[in-house]
Amino acid sequence: MMVPIEDMRCGLIALVGVPNAGKSTLLNAIVGEKVGIISNKPNTTRVTVRGVVTEGNDQMVFMDTPGMNRSSKAFDRRLVQQAAGAAAECDILVILCDGALGDRGLSPEMKQLADAGKARGQKVVVVVTKIDKFKDKAKLLPMLTKLNDWGLDAIVPVTAIKANIDGASLKGSGVDRLLAELSKMLPEGPWLFPPEQVTDMPMPLRLAELTREQAMRQLHQELPYSVGVITSSVEEQEDGSHLIHQQLLVGKEQHKPMVLGNGGQMLKKIGMYSRTEMEKILGTRVRLELHVKVAERWIEREQWLREMGV
């Protein structure tokens, strides 16, 4: 049933926090589909990913942002600027704190972020993630006590959220409560997206991110951070399947054999897992062609960064 425009409510909701706080995992759980990539390495998210949830009269547009860190590298500063930009333009600011760290996870920068949001007239919510790490919940009390002094609109603890076999994320305890709290804060206004849409990320970029996710998971040490992925083409075949060509960019010649692996086995492994995720999203059989390209200092070149959505 179509909702009259005058009854619609819609808001931009920014998910911000330090690397590895669980922003992308939470976004996938809320949307019910993988729209943000996940790995156990910090700074996996490089682009601001939007996930859309439409229920009843409400549309919530979540912005998953790169983790905020103190790195002085130009590329990392660019990512932090993305997160700061999303925080400044949103209606509701959701700050994620890693509950596993206890009150050590509440940095002065996070307090400043909350204060800045309130000064802009935004609603400010703190989500405390990973609280299942504590068998003794009393250990969370120092963190919750500090948060109570921040003058927030809501504090919502959530438990573990794990990926299911479809690549989405299962809702942990607290996610439904979070959505209920956010619903109360939505401003009146027309929806920004059709009700069936779950993300505004262009499909070529979304497919590239799936391959980068597997590179982050399969490659070791610092190498994953020097790998970028670009989707060169997506071609629908006569039988309904898709032929996808992608380039994996590395910044140094010595990195290329590491991505290829012995006899090309590492690249095949990345491609196999990535293809499986692509087929879930596209709903068709996928043939994936991966090529490794040496592009020196690609991480500093505007052309490459634009193609990767950074």
C-alpha atoms as a PDB file:
ATOM      1  CA  MET A   1       0.000   0.000   0.000  1.00  0.00           C
ATOM      2  CA  MET A   2       1.377   3.392  -1.001  1.00  0.00           C
ATOM      3  CA  VAL A   3       2.010   5.766   1.904  1.00  0.00           C
ATOM      4  CA  PRO A   4       0.740   9.345   1.396  1.00  0.00           C
ATOM      5  CA  ILE A   5       3.621  11.815   1.183  1.00  0.00           C
ATOM      6  CA  GLU A   6       2.244  13.834   4.087  1.00  0.00           C
ATOM      7  CA  ASP A   7       2.498  10.735   6.335  1.00  0.00           C
ATOM      8  CA  MET A   8       6.053   9.811   5.348  1.00  0.00           C
ATOM      9  CA  ARG A   9       9.029  10.119   7.668  1.00  0.00           C
ATOM     10  CA  CYS A  10      12.609   9.837   6.462  1.00  0.00           C
ATOM     11  CA  GLY A  11      16.028  10.441   7.976  1.00  0.00           C
ATOM     12  CA  LEU A  12      19.736  10.104   7.254  1.00  0.00           C
ATOM     13  CA  ILE A  13      21.455   8.085   9.975  1.00  0.00           C
ATOM     14  CA  ALA A  14      25.261   8.053  10.134  1.00  0.00           C
ATOM     15  CA  LEU A  15      27.045   5.090  11.727  1.00  0.00           C
ATOM     16  CA  VAL A  16      30.396   6.355  12.990  1.00  0.00           C
ATOM     17  CA  GLY A  17      33.102   5.064  15.278  1.00  0.00           C
ATOM     18  CA  VAL A  18      36.615   3.717  15.476  1.00  0.00           C
ATOM     19  CA  PRO A  19      37.803   0.931  13.141  1.00  0.00           C
ATOM     20  CA  ASN A  20      36.435  -2.534  13.954  1.00  0.00           C
ATOM     21  CA  ALA A  21      33.605  -1.243  16.169  1.00  0.00           C
ATOM     22  CA  GLY A  22      31.134  -3.306  14.130  1.00  0.00           C
ATOM     23  CA  LYS A  23      29.537  -0.652  11.886  1.00  0.00           C
ATOM     24  CA  SER A  24      29.303  -2.734   8.705  1.00  0.00           C
ATOM     25  CA  THR A  25      28.108  -5.821  10.566  1.00  0.00           C
ATOM     26  CA  LEU A  26      25.382  -3.782  12.238  1.00  0.00           C
ATOM     27  CA  LEU A  27      24.338  -2.231   8.920  1.00  0.00           C
ATOM     28  CA  ASN A  28      24.001  -5.643   7.260  1.00  0.00           C
ATOM     29  CA  ALA A  29      21.940  -6.921  10.189  1.00  0.00           C
ATOM     30  CA  ILE A  30      19.609  -3.928   9.990  1.00  0.00           C
ATOM     31  CA  VAL A  31      19.132  -4.153   6.217  1.00  0.00           C
ATOM     32  CA  GLY A  32      18.972  -7.969   6.157  1.00  0.00           C
ATOM     33  CA  GLU A  33      21.347  -8.163   3.209  1.00  0.00           C
ATOM     34  CA  LYS A  34      25.080  -7.712   2.702  1.00  0.00           C
ATOM     35  CA  VAL A  35      25.642  -4.121   1.632  1.00  0.00           C
ATOM     36  CA  GLY A  36      28.828  -3.441   3.609  1.00  0.00           C
ATOM     37  CA  ILE A  37      31.880  -5.684   3.440  1.00  0.00           C
ATOM     38  CA  ILE A  38      33.353  -7.213   6.588  1.00  0.00           C
ATOM     39  CA  SER A  39      36.716  -8.542   7.699  1.00  0.00           C
ATOM     40  CA  ASN A  40      38.536  -8.776  11.019  1.00  0.00           C
ATOM     41  CA  LYS A  41      41.046  -6.175   9.817  1.00  0.00           C
ATOM     42  CA  PRO A  42      40.504  -2.525  10.786  1.00  0.00           C
ATOM     43  CA  ASN A  43      39.741   0.081   8.117  1.00  0.00           C
ATOM     44  CA  THR A  44      38.049  -2.443   5.828  1.00  0.00           C
ATOM     45  CA  THR A  45      35.382   0.135   4.913  1.00  0.00           C
ATOM     46  CA  ARG A  46      36.732   2.715   2.435  1.00  0.00           C
ATOM     47  CA  VAL A  47      33.531   4.205   1.062  1.00  0.00           C
ATOM     48  CA  THR A  48      30.407   5.573   2.689  1.00  0.00           C
ATOM     49  CA  VAL A  49      27.862   2.805   2.104  1.00  0.00           C
ATOM     50  CA  ARG A  50      24.158   3.598   2.295  1.00  0.00           C
ATOM     51  CA  GLY A  51      21.685   0.960   3.426  1.00  0.00           C
ATOM     52  CA  VAL A  52      17.962   1.642   3.215  1.00  0.00           C
ATOM     53  CA  VAL A  53      15.243   0.259   5.490  1.00  0.00           C
ATOM     54  CA  THR A  54      11.591   1.071   4.741  1.00  0.00           C
ATOM     55  CA  GLU A  55       8.904  -0.064   7.172  1.00  0.00           C
ATOM     56  CA  GLY A  56       5.390   1.346   7.521  1.00  0.00           C
ATOM     57  CA  ASN A  57       5.591   5.121   7.156  1.00  0.00           C
ATOM     58  CA  ASP A  58       9.318   5.220   7.942  1.00  0.00           C
ATOM     59  CA  GLN A  59      12.381   5.160   5.731  1.00  0.00           C
ATOM     60  CA  MET A  60      15.782   5.058   7.413  1.00  0.00           C
ATOM     61  CA  VAL A  61      18.843   5.719   5.261  1.00  0.00           C
ATOM     62  CA  PHE A  62      21.900   4.411   7.108  1.00  0.00           C
ATOM     63  CA  MET A  63      25.382   5.614   6.155  1.00  0.00           C
ATOM     64  CA  ASP A  64      28.157   3.174   7.064  1.00  0.00           C
ATOM     65  CA  THR A  65      31.368   5.198   7.254  1.00  0.00           C
ATOM     66  CA  PRO A  66      35.104   4.440   7.334  1.00  0.00           C
ATOM     67  CA  GLY A  67      36.522   4.078  10.822  1.00  0.00           C
ATOM     68  CA  MET A  68      37.813   7.232  12.465  1.00  0.00           C
ATOM     69  CA  ASN A  69      41.490   6.972  13.339  1.00  0.00           C
ATOM     70  CA  ARG A  70      44.432   9.234  14.108  1.00  0.00           C
ATOM     71  CA  SER A  71      46.632   8.178  11.174  1.00  0.00           C
ATOM     72  CA  SER A  72      48.570  10.944   9.449  1.00  0.00           C
ATOM     73  CA  LYS A  73      48.586   9.162   6.060  1.00  0.00           C
ATOM     74  CA  ALA A  74      46.871  11.134   3.306  1.00  0.00           C
ATOM     75  CA  PHE A  75      44.673   8.179   2.275  1.00  0.00           C
ATOM     76  CA  ASP A  76      43.538   7.558   5.868  1.00  0.00           C
ATOM     77  CA  ARG A  77      42.820  11.262   6.337  1.00  0.00           C
ATOM     78  CA  ARG A  78      40.640  11.105   3.234  1.00  0.00           C
ATOM     79  CA  LEU A  79      38.626   8.280   4.808  1.00  0.00           C
ATOM     80  CA  VAL A  80      38.220  10.195   8.063  1.00  0.00           C
ATOM     81  CA  GLN A  81      36.976  13.201   6.075  1.00  0.00           C
ATOM     82  CA  GLN A  82      34.317  10.942   4.518  1.00  0.00           C
ATOM     83  CA  ALA A  83      33.137   9.872   7.962  1.00  0.00           C
ATOM     84  CA  ALA A  84      33.142  13.464   9.229  1.00  0.00           C
ATOM     85  CA  GLY A  85      31.137  14.577   6.200  1.00  0.00           C
ATOM     86  CA  ALA A  86      28.482  11.913   6.787  1.00  0.00           C
ATOM     87  CA  ALA A  87      28.314  12.867  10.473  1.00  0.00           C
ATOM     88  CA  ALA A  88      27.761  16.523   9.581  1.00  0.00           C
ATOM     89  CA  GLU A  89      24.925  15.940   7.087  1.00  0.00           C
ATOM     90  CA  CYS A  90      22.870  13.342   8.976  1.00  0.00           C
ATOM     91  CA  ASP A  91      19.672  13.761  10.960  1.00  0.00           C
ATOM     92  CA  ILE A  92      20.622  11.140  13.548  1.00  0.00           C
ATOM     93  CA  LEU A  93      24.199  10.443  14.619  1.00  0.00           C
ATOM     94  CA  VAL A  94      24.800   6.870  15.801  1.00  0.00           C
ATOM     95  CA  ILE A  95      28.175   6.399  17.487  1.00  0.00           C
ATOM     96  CA  LEU A  96      29.352   2.810  17.903  1.00  0.00           C
ATOM     97  CA  CYS A  97      31.473   1.957  20.938  1.00  0.00           C
ATOM     98  CA  ASP A  98      33.244  -1.370  21.262  1.00  0.00           C
ATOM     99  CA  GLY A  99      31.773  -2.803  24.459  1.00  0.00           C
ATOM    100  CA  ALA A 100      34.579  -5.356  24.668  1.00  0.00           C
ATOM    101  CA  LEU A 101      36.909  -2.492  25.575  1.00  0.00           C
ATOM    102  CA  GLY A 102      34.744  -1.313  28.469  1.00  0.00           C
ATOM    103  CA  ASP A 103      35.045   2.371  29.353  1.00  0.00           C
ATOM    104  CA  ARG A 104      38.494   2.379  27.691  1.00  0.00           C
ATOM    105  CA  GLY A 105      36.537   2.505  24.421  1.00  0.00           C
ATOM    106  CA  LEU A 106      35.192   5.977  25.214  1.00  0.00           C
ATOM    107  CA  SER A 107      37.826   8.348  23.890  1.00  0.00           C
ATOM    108  CA  PRO A 108      37.751  12.156  24.186  1.00  0.00           C
ATOM    109  CA  GLU A 109      37.270  12.256  20.394  1.00  0.00           C
ATOM    110  CA  MET A 110      34.045  10.267  20.670  1.00  0.00           C
ATOM    111  CA  LYS A 111      32.735  12.637  23.351  1.00  0.00           C
ATOM    112  CA  GLN A 112      33.607  15.570  21.071  1.00  0.00           C
ATOM    113  CA  LEU A 113      31.776  13.847  18.215  1.00  0.00           C
ATOM    114  CA  ALA A 114      28.653  13.501  20.360  1.00  0.00           C
ATOM    115  CA  ASP A 115      28.865  17.114  21.554  1.00  0.00           C
ATOM    116  CA  ALA A 116      29.294  18.363  17.973  1.00  0.00           C
ATOM    117  CA  GLY A 117      26.208  16.420  16.898  1.00  0.00           C
ATOM    118  CA  LYS A 118      24.127  17.920  19.691  1.00  0.00           C
ATOM    119  CA  ALA A 119      25.416  21.402  18.816  1.00  0.00           C
ATOM    120  CA  ARG A 120      24.217  20.868  15.227  1.00  0.00           C
ATOM    121  CA  GLY A 121      20.772  19.961  16.517  1.00  0.00           C
ATOM    122  CA  GLN A 122      21.098  16.288  15.622  1.00  0.00           C
ATOM    123  CA  LYS A 123      19.758  13.388  17.630  1.00  0.00           C
ATOM    124  CA  VAL A 124      22.709  11.459  19.081  1.00  0.00           C
ATOM    125  CA  VAL A 125      22.586   7.756  19.924  1.00  0.00           C
ATOM    126  CA  VAL A 126      25.370   5.513  21.216  1.00  0.00           C
ATOM    127  CA  VAL A 127      25.303   1.808  20.356  1.00  0.00           C
ATOM    128  CA  VAL A 128      27.480  -0.334  22.607  1.00  0.00           C
ATOM    129  CA  THR A 129      28.534  -3.365  20.546  1.00  0.00           C
ATOM    130  CA  LYS A 130      29.960  -6.771  21.461  1.00  0.00           C
ATOM    131  CA  ILE A 131      28.516  -6.760  24.986  1.00  0.00           C
ATOM    132  CA  ASP A 132      28.337 -10.562  24.824  1.00  0.00           C
ATOM    133  CA  LYS A 133      32.119 -10.518  25.373  1.00  0.00           C
ATOM    134  CA  PHE A 134      31.370  -9.905  29.040  1.00  0.00           C
ATOM    135  CA  LYS A 135      30.133 -12.846  31.076  1.00  0.00           C
ATOM    136  CA  ASP A 136      29.893 -10.452  34.010  1.00  0.00           C
ATOM    137  CA  LYS A 137      27.661  -7.638  32.723  1.00  0.00           C
ATOM    138  CA  ALA A 138      28.555  -5.566  35.790  1.00  0.00           C
ATOM    139  CA  LYS A 139      31.842  -4.804  34.031  1.00  0.00           C
ATOM    140  CA  LEU A 140      29.871  -2.690  31.571  1.00  0.00           C
ATOM    141  CA  LEU A 141      28.615  -0.370  34.288  1.00  0.00           C
ATOM    142  CA  PRO A 142      31.577   2.089  34.207  1.00  0.00           C
ATOM    143  CA  MET A 143      31.037   2.578  30.452  1.00  0.00           C
ATOM    144  CA  LEU A 144      27.272   3.003  30.773  1.00  0.00           C
ATOM    145  CA  THR A 145      27.733   5.409  33.695  1.00  0.00           C
ATOM    146  CA  LYS A 146      30.018   7.635  31.606  1.00  0.00           C
ATOM    147  CA  LEU A 147      27.614   7.517  28.673  1.00  0.00           C
ATOM    148  CA  ASN A 148      24.719   8.578  30.884  1.00  0.00           C
ATOM    149  CA  ASP A 149      26.632  11.805  31.566  1.00  0.00           C
ATOM    150  CA  TRP A 150      26.899  12.611  27.841  1.00  0.00           C
ATOM    151  CA  GLY A 151      23.274  13.772  27.557  1.00  0.00           C
ATOM    152  CA  LEU A 152      22.413  11.345  24.747  1.00  0.00           C
ATOM    153  CA  ASP A 153      19.032  10.704  23.157  1.00  0.00           C
ATOM    154  CA  ALA A 154      19.454   6.937  23.611  1.00  0.00           C
ATOM    155  CA  ILE A 155      21.991   4.290  24.635  1.00  0.00           C
ATOM    156  CA  VAL A 156      21.444   0.850  23.109  1.00  0.00           C
ATOM    157  CA  PRO A 157      23.650  -2.174  23.917  1.00  0.00           C
ATOM    158  CA  VAL A 158      23.671  -4.943  21.290  1.00  0.00           C
ATOM    159  CA  THR A 159      25.011  -8.485  21.415  1.00  0.00           C
ATOM    160  CA  ALA A 160      26.904 -10.445  18.797  1.00  0.00           C
ATOM    161  CA  ILE A 161      25.714 -10.260  15.191  1.00  0.00           C
ATOM    162  CA  LYS A 162      26.944 -13.093  13.007  1.00  0.00           C
ATOM    163  CA  ALA A 163      26.814 -13.566   9.246  1.00  0.00           C
ATOM    164  CA  ASN A 164      24.335 -16.185   8.099  1.00  0.00           C
ATOM    165  CA  ILE A 165      24.681 -18.575   5.163  1.00  0.00           C
ATOM    166  CA  ASP A 166      23.197 -15.996   2.770  1.00  0.00           C
ATOM    167  CA  GLY A 167      25.934 -13.502   3.536  1.00  0.00           C
ATOM    168  CA  ALA A 168      23.651 -11.124   5.407  1.00  0.00           C
ATOM    169  CA  SER A 169      23.786 -10.791   9.187  1.00  0.00           C
ATOM    170  CA  LEU A 170      21.537 -12.214  11.843  1.00  0.00           C
ATOM    171  CA  LYS A 171      20.051  -9.674  14.218  1.00  0.00           C
ATOM    172  CA  GLY A 172      21.567  -9.864  17.657  1.00  0.00           C
ATOM    173  CA  SER A 173      19.793  -8.789  20.812  1.00  0.00           C
ATOM    174  CA  GLY A 174      19.203  -5.041  20.828  1.00  0.00           C
ATOM    175  CA  VAL A 175      18.939  -4.408  17.063  1.00  0.00           C
ATOM    176  CA  ASP A 176      15.131  -4.272  17.069  1.00  0.00           C
ATOM    177  CA  ARG A 177      15.224  -1.924  20.053  1.00  0.00           C
ATOM    178  CA  LEU A 178      17.675   0.303  18.187  1.00  0.00           C
ATOM    179  CA  LEU A 179      15.329   0.506  15.198  1.00  0.00           C
ATOM    180  CA  ALA A 180      12.419   1.342  17.506  1.00  0.00           C
ATOM    181  CA  GLU A 181      14.413   4.159  19.137  1.00  0.00           C
ATOM    182  CA  LEU A 182      15.487   5.567  15.768  1.00  0.00           C
ATOM    183  CA  SER A 183      11.920   5.448  14.467  1.00  0.00           C
ATOM    184  CA  LYS A 184      10.861   7.870  17.215  1.00  0.00           C
ATOM    185  CA  MET A 185      13.499  10.372  16.072  1.00  0.00           C
ATOM    186  CA  LEU A 186      12.817  10.449  12.331  1.00  0.00           C
ATOM    187  CA  PRO A 187      11.832  13.816  10.900  1.00  0.00           C
ATOM    188  CA  GLU A 188       8.774  14.173   8.700  1.00  0.00           C
ATOM    189  CA  GLY A 189       9.525  14.203   4.992  1.00  0.00           C
ATOM    190  CA  PRO A 190       9.290  12.250   1.725  1.00  0.00           C
ATOM    191  CA  TRP A 191      11.257   9.068   1.193  1.00  0.00           C
ATOM    192  CA  LEU A 192      14.526   9.313  -0.718  1.00  0.00           C
ATOM    193  CA  PHE A 193      14.379   5.830  -2.267  1.00  0.00           C
ATOM    194  CA  PRO A 194      11.782   3.368  -3.573  1.00  0.00           C
ATOM    195  CA  PRO A 195      10.587   1.097  -0.721  1.00  0.00           C
ATOM    196  CA  GLU A 196      12.159  -2.028  -2.274  1.00  0.00           C
ATOM    197  CA  GLN A 197      15.653  -0.505  -2.599  1.00  0.00           C
ATOM    198  CA  VAL A 198      18.229  -1.565   0.020  1.00  0.00           C
ATOM    199  CA  THR A 199      21.287   0.432  -1.115  1.00  0.00           C
ATOM    200  CA  ASP A 200      22.257   3.178  -3.527  1.00  0.00           C
ATOM    201  CA  MET A 201      25.699   1.733  -4.197  1.00  0.00           C
ATOM    202  CA  PRO A 202      26.190   1.239  -7.971  1.00  0.00           C
ATOM    203  CA  MET A 203      26.364  -2.457  -8.808  1.00  0.00           C
ATOM    204  CA  PRO A 204      29.899  -2.342 -10.335  1.00  0.00           C
ATOM    205  CA  LEU A 205      31.214  -0.768  -7.122  1.00  0.00           C
ATOM    206  CA  ARG A 206      29.266  -3.205  -4.970  1.00  0.00           C
ATOM    207  CA  LEU A 207      30.767  -6.139  -6.881  1.00  0.00           C
ATOM    208  CA  ALA A 208      34.256  -4.643  -6.599  1.00  0.00           C
ATOM    209  CA  GLU A 209      33.834  -4.336  -2.845  1.00  0.00           C
ATOM    210  CA  LEU A 210      32.919  -8.031  -2.601  1.00  0.00           C
ATOM    211  CA  THR A 211      36.210  -8.960  -4.238  1.00  0.00           C
ATOM    212  CA  ARG A 212      38.144  -6.545  -2.024  1.00  0.00           C
ATOM    213  CA  GLU A 213      36.473  -8.134   0.990  1.00  0.00           C
ATOM    214  CA  GLN A 214      37.932 -11.498   0.002  1.00  0.00           C
ATOM    215  CA  ALA A 215      41.350  -9.940  -0.617  1.00  0.00           C
ATOM    216  CA  MET A 216      41.183  -8.472   2.893  1.00  0.00           C
ATOM    217  CA  ARG A 217      40.282 -11.883   4.311  1.00  0.00           C
ATOM    218  CA  GLN A 218      42.696 -14.068   2.359  1.00  0.00           C
ATOM    219  CA  LEU A 219      45.841 -11.922   2.180  1.00  0.00           C
ATOM    220  CA  HIS A 220      48.018 -11.360   5.211  1.00  0.00           C
ATOM    221  CA  GLN A 221      49.720  -8.565   7.098  1.00  0.00           C
ATOM    222  CA  GLU A 222      49.726  -5.158   5.376  1.00  0.00           C
ATOM    223  CA  LEU A 223      49.229  -6.375   1.803  1.00  0.00           C
ATOM    224  CA  PRO A 224      45.387  -6.144   1.795  1.00  0.00           C
ATOM    225  CA  TYR A 225      45.558  -2.386   2.415  1.00  0.00           C
ATOM    226  CA  SER A 226      47.584  -1.872  -0.769  1.00  0.00           C
ATOM    227  CA  VAL A 227      45.034  -3.723  -2.936  1.00  0.00           C
ATOM    228  CA  GLY A 228      42.257  -1.902  -4.770  1.00  0.00           C
ATOM    229  CA  VAL A 229      39.564  -3.423  -6.972  1.00  0.00           C
ATOM    230  CA  ILE A 230      37.847  -1.939 -10.029  1.00  0.00           C
ATOM    231  CA  THR A 231      35.015  -3.580 -11.977  1.00  0.00           C
ATOM    232  CA  SER A 232      35.880  -3.128 -15.648  1.00  0.00           C
ATOM    233  CA  SER A 233      32.674  -4.600 -17.076  1.00  0.00           C
ATOM    234  CA  VAL A 234      29.498  -6.484 -16.176  1.00  0.00           C
ATOM    235  CA  GLU A 235      27.946  -8.300 -19.131  1.00  0.00           C
ATOM    236  CA  GLU A 236      24.660 -10.193 -19.018  1.00  0.00           C
ATOM    237  CA  GLN A 237      24.847 -13.328 -21.169  1.00  0.00           C
ATOM    238  CA  GLU A 238      22.113 -14.889 -23.318  1.00  0.00           C
ATOM    239  CA  ASP A 239      21.457 -17.564 -20.690  1.00  0.00           C
ATOM    240  CA  GLY A 240      20.921 -14.901 -17.994  1.00  0.00           C
ATOM    241  CA  SER A 241      24.312 -15.405 -16.336  1.00  0.00           C
ATOM    242  CA  HIS A 242      26.831 -12.587 -15.887  1.00  0.00           C
ATOM    243  CA  LEU A 243      30.419 -12.241 -17.110  1.00  0.00           C
ATOM    244  CA  ILE A 244      32.338  -9.873 -14.842  1.00  0.00           C
ATOM    245  CA  HIS A 245      35.839  -8.519 -15.418  1.00  0.00           C
ATOM    246  CA  GLN A 246      37.723  -6.925 -12.524  1.00  0.00           C
ATOM    247  CA  GLN A 247      41.193  -5.520 -11.948  1.00  0.00           C
ATOM    248  CA  LEU A 248      43.056  -5.908  -8.677  1.00  0.00           C
ATOM    249  CA  LEU A 249      45.460  -2.991  -8.317  1.00  0.00           C
ATOM    250  CA  VAL A 250      48.689  -3.340  -6.373  1.00  0.00           C
ATOM    251  CA  GLY A 251      51.170  -0.553  -5.767  1.00  0.00           C
ATOM    252  CA  LYS A 252      54.404  -2.500  -6.125  1.00  0.00           C
ATOM    253  CA  GLU A 253      55.715  -5.090  -8.572  1.00  0.00           C
ATOM    254  CA  GLN A 254      56.685  -7.429  -5.715  1.00  0.00           C
ATOM    255  CA  HIS A 255      53.074  -7.491  -4.506  1.00  0.00           C
ATOM    256  CA  LYS A 256      51.743  -8.989  -7.738  1.00  0.00           C
ATOM    257  CA  PRO A 257      53.063 -12.560  -7.192  1.00  0.00           C
ATOM    258  CA  MET A 258      51.769 -12.445  -3.614  1.00  0.00           C
ATOM    259  CA  VAL A 259      48.244 -11.722  -4.849  1.00  0.00           C
ATOM    260  CA  LEU A 260      48.545 -14.337  -7.582  1.00  0.00           C
ATOM    261  CA  GLY A 261      49.913 -16.993  -5.224  1.00  0.00           C
ATOM    262  CA  ASN A 262      51.719 -20.170  -6.207  1.00  0.00           C
ATOM    263  CA  GLY A 263      50.422 -21.170  -9.620  1.00  0.00           C
ATOM    264  CA  GLY A 264      47.718 -18.506  -9.363  1.00  0.00           C
ATOM    265  CA  GLN A 265      46.049 -20.316  -6.459  1.00  0.00           C
ATOM    266  CA  MET A 266      45.567 -17.260  -4.238  1.00  0.00           C
ATOM    267  CA  LEU A 267      43.842 -15.310  -7.004  1.00  0.00           C
ATOM    268  CA  LYS A 268      41.630 -18.321  -7.746  1.00  0.00           C
ATOM    269  CA  LYS A 269      40.708 -18.554  -4.062  1.00  0.00           C
ATOM    270  CA  ILE A 270      39.789 -14.864  -3.891  1.00  0.00           C
ATOM    271  CA  GLY A 271      37.753 -15.242  -7.077  1.00  0.00           C
ATOM    272  CA  MET A 272      35.944 -18.364  -5.880  1.00  0.00           C
ATOM    273  CA  TYR A 273      34.692 -16.780  -2.649  1.00  0.00           C
ATOM    274  CA  SER A 274      33.896 -13.484  -4.344  1.00  0.00           C
ATOM    275  CA  ARG A 275      31.925 -15.187  -7.113  1.00  0.00           C
ATOM    276  CA  THR A 276      29.802 -16.998  -4.519  1.00  0.00           C
ATOM    277  CA  GLU A 277      28.857 -13.669  -2.899  1.00  0.00           C
ATOM    278  CA  MET A 278      28.143 -12.089  -6.286  1.00  0.00           C
ATOM    279  CA  GLU A 279      25.754 -14.875  -7.249  1.00  0.00           C
ATOM    280  CA  LYS A 280      23.763 -14.282  -4.050  1.00  0.00           C
ATOM    281  CA  ILE A 281      23.320 -10.616  -4.897  1.00  0.00           C
ATOM    282  CA  LEU A 282      22.686 -10.974  -8.639  1.00  0.00           C
ATOM    283  CA  GLY A 283      20.614 -14.155  -8.336  1.00  0.00           C
ATOM    284  CA  THR A 284      22.340 -15.644 -11.379  1.00  0.00           C
ATOM    285  CA  ARG A 285      25.378 -17.711 -12.232  1.00  0.00           C
ATOM    286  CA  VAL A 286      28.552 -15.599 -12.454  1.00  0.00           C
ATOM    287  CA  ARG A 287      31.748 -16.066 -14.406  1.00  0.00           C
ATOM    288  CA  LEU A 288      34.410 -13.871 -12.827  1.00  0.00           C
ATOM    289  CA  GLU A 289      37.641 -12.905 -14.584  1.00  0.00           C
ATOM    290  CA  LEU A 290      40.253 -11.344 -12.286  1.00  0.00           C
ATOM    291  CA  HIS A 291      43.442  -9.623 -13.453  1.00  0.00           C
ATOM    292  CA  VAL A 292      46.230  -8.205 -11.281  1.00  0.00           C
ATOM    293  CA  LYS A 293      47.640  -4.849 -12.413  1.00  0.00           C
ATOM    294  CA  VAL A 294      50.641  -3.008 -11.001  1.00  0.00           C
ATOM    295  CA  ALA A 295      49.721   0.667 -10.620  1.00  0.00           C
ATOM    296  CA  GLU A 296      52.428   2.427  -8.659  1.00  0.00           C
ATOM    297  CA  ARG A 297      51.116   4.762  -5.954  1.00  0.00           C
ATOM    298  CA  TRP A 298      47.522   4.119  -7.048  1.00  0.00           C
ATOM    299  CA  ILE A 299      46.414   4.967  -3.540  1.00  0.00           C
ATOM    300  CA  GLU A 300      47.441   8.590  -4.210  1.00  0.00           C
ATOM    301  CA  ARG A 301      45.922   8.908  -7.688  1.00  0.00           C
ATOM    302  CA  GLU A 302      42.581  10.666  -7.975  1.00  0.00           C
ATOM    303  CA  GLN A 303      41.542   8.672 -11.068  1.00  0.00           C
ATOM    304  CA  TRP A 304      41.779   5.299  -9.338  1.00  0.00           C
ATOM    305  CA  LEU A 305      40.214   6.531  -6.109  1.00  0.00           C
ATOM    306  CA  ARG A 306      37.200   7.962  -7.953  1.00  0.00           C
ATOM    307  CA  GLU A 307      36.627   4.638  -9.726  1.00  0.00           C
ATOM    308  CA  MET A 308      36.674   2.901  -6.345  1.00  0.00           C
ATOM    309  CA  GLY A 309      34.174   5.358  -4.897  1.00  0.00           C
ATOM    310  CA  VAL A 310      36.641   6.780  -2.354  1.00  0.00           C
END
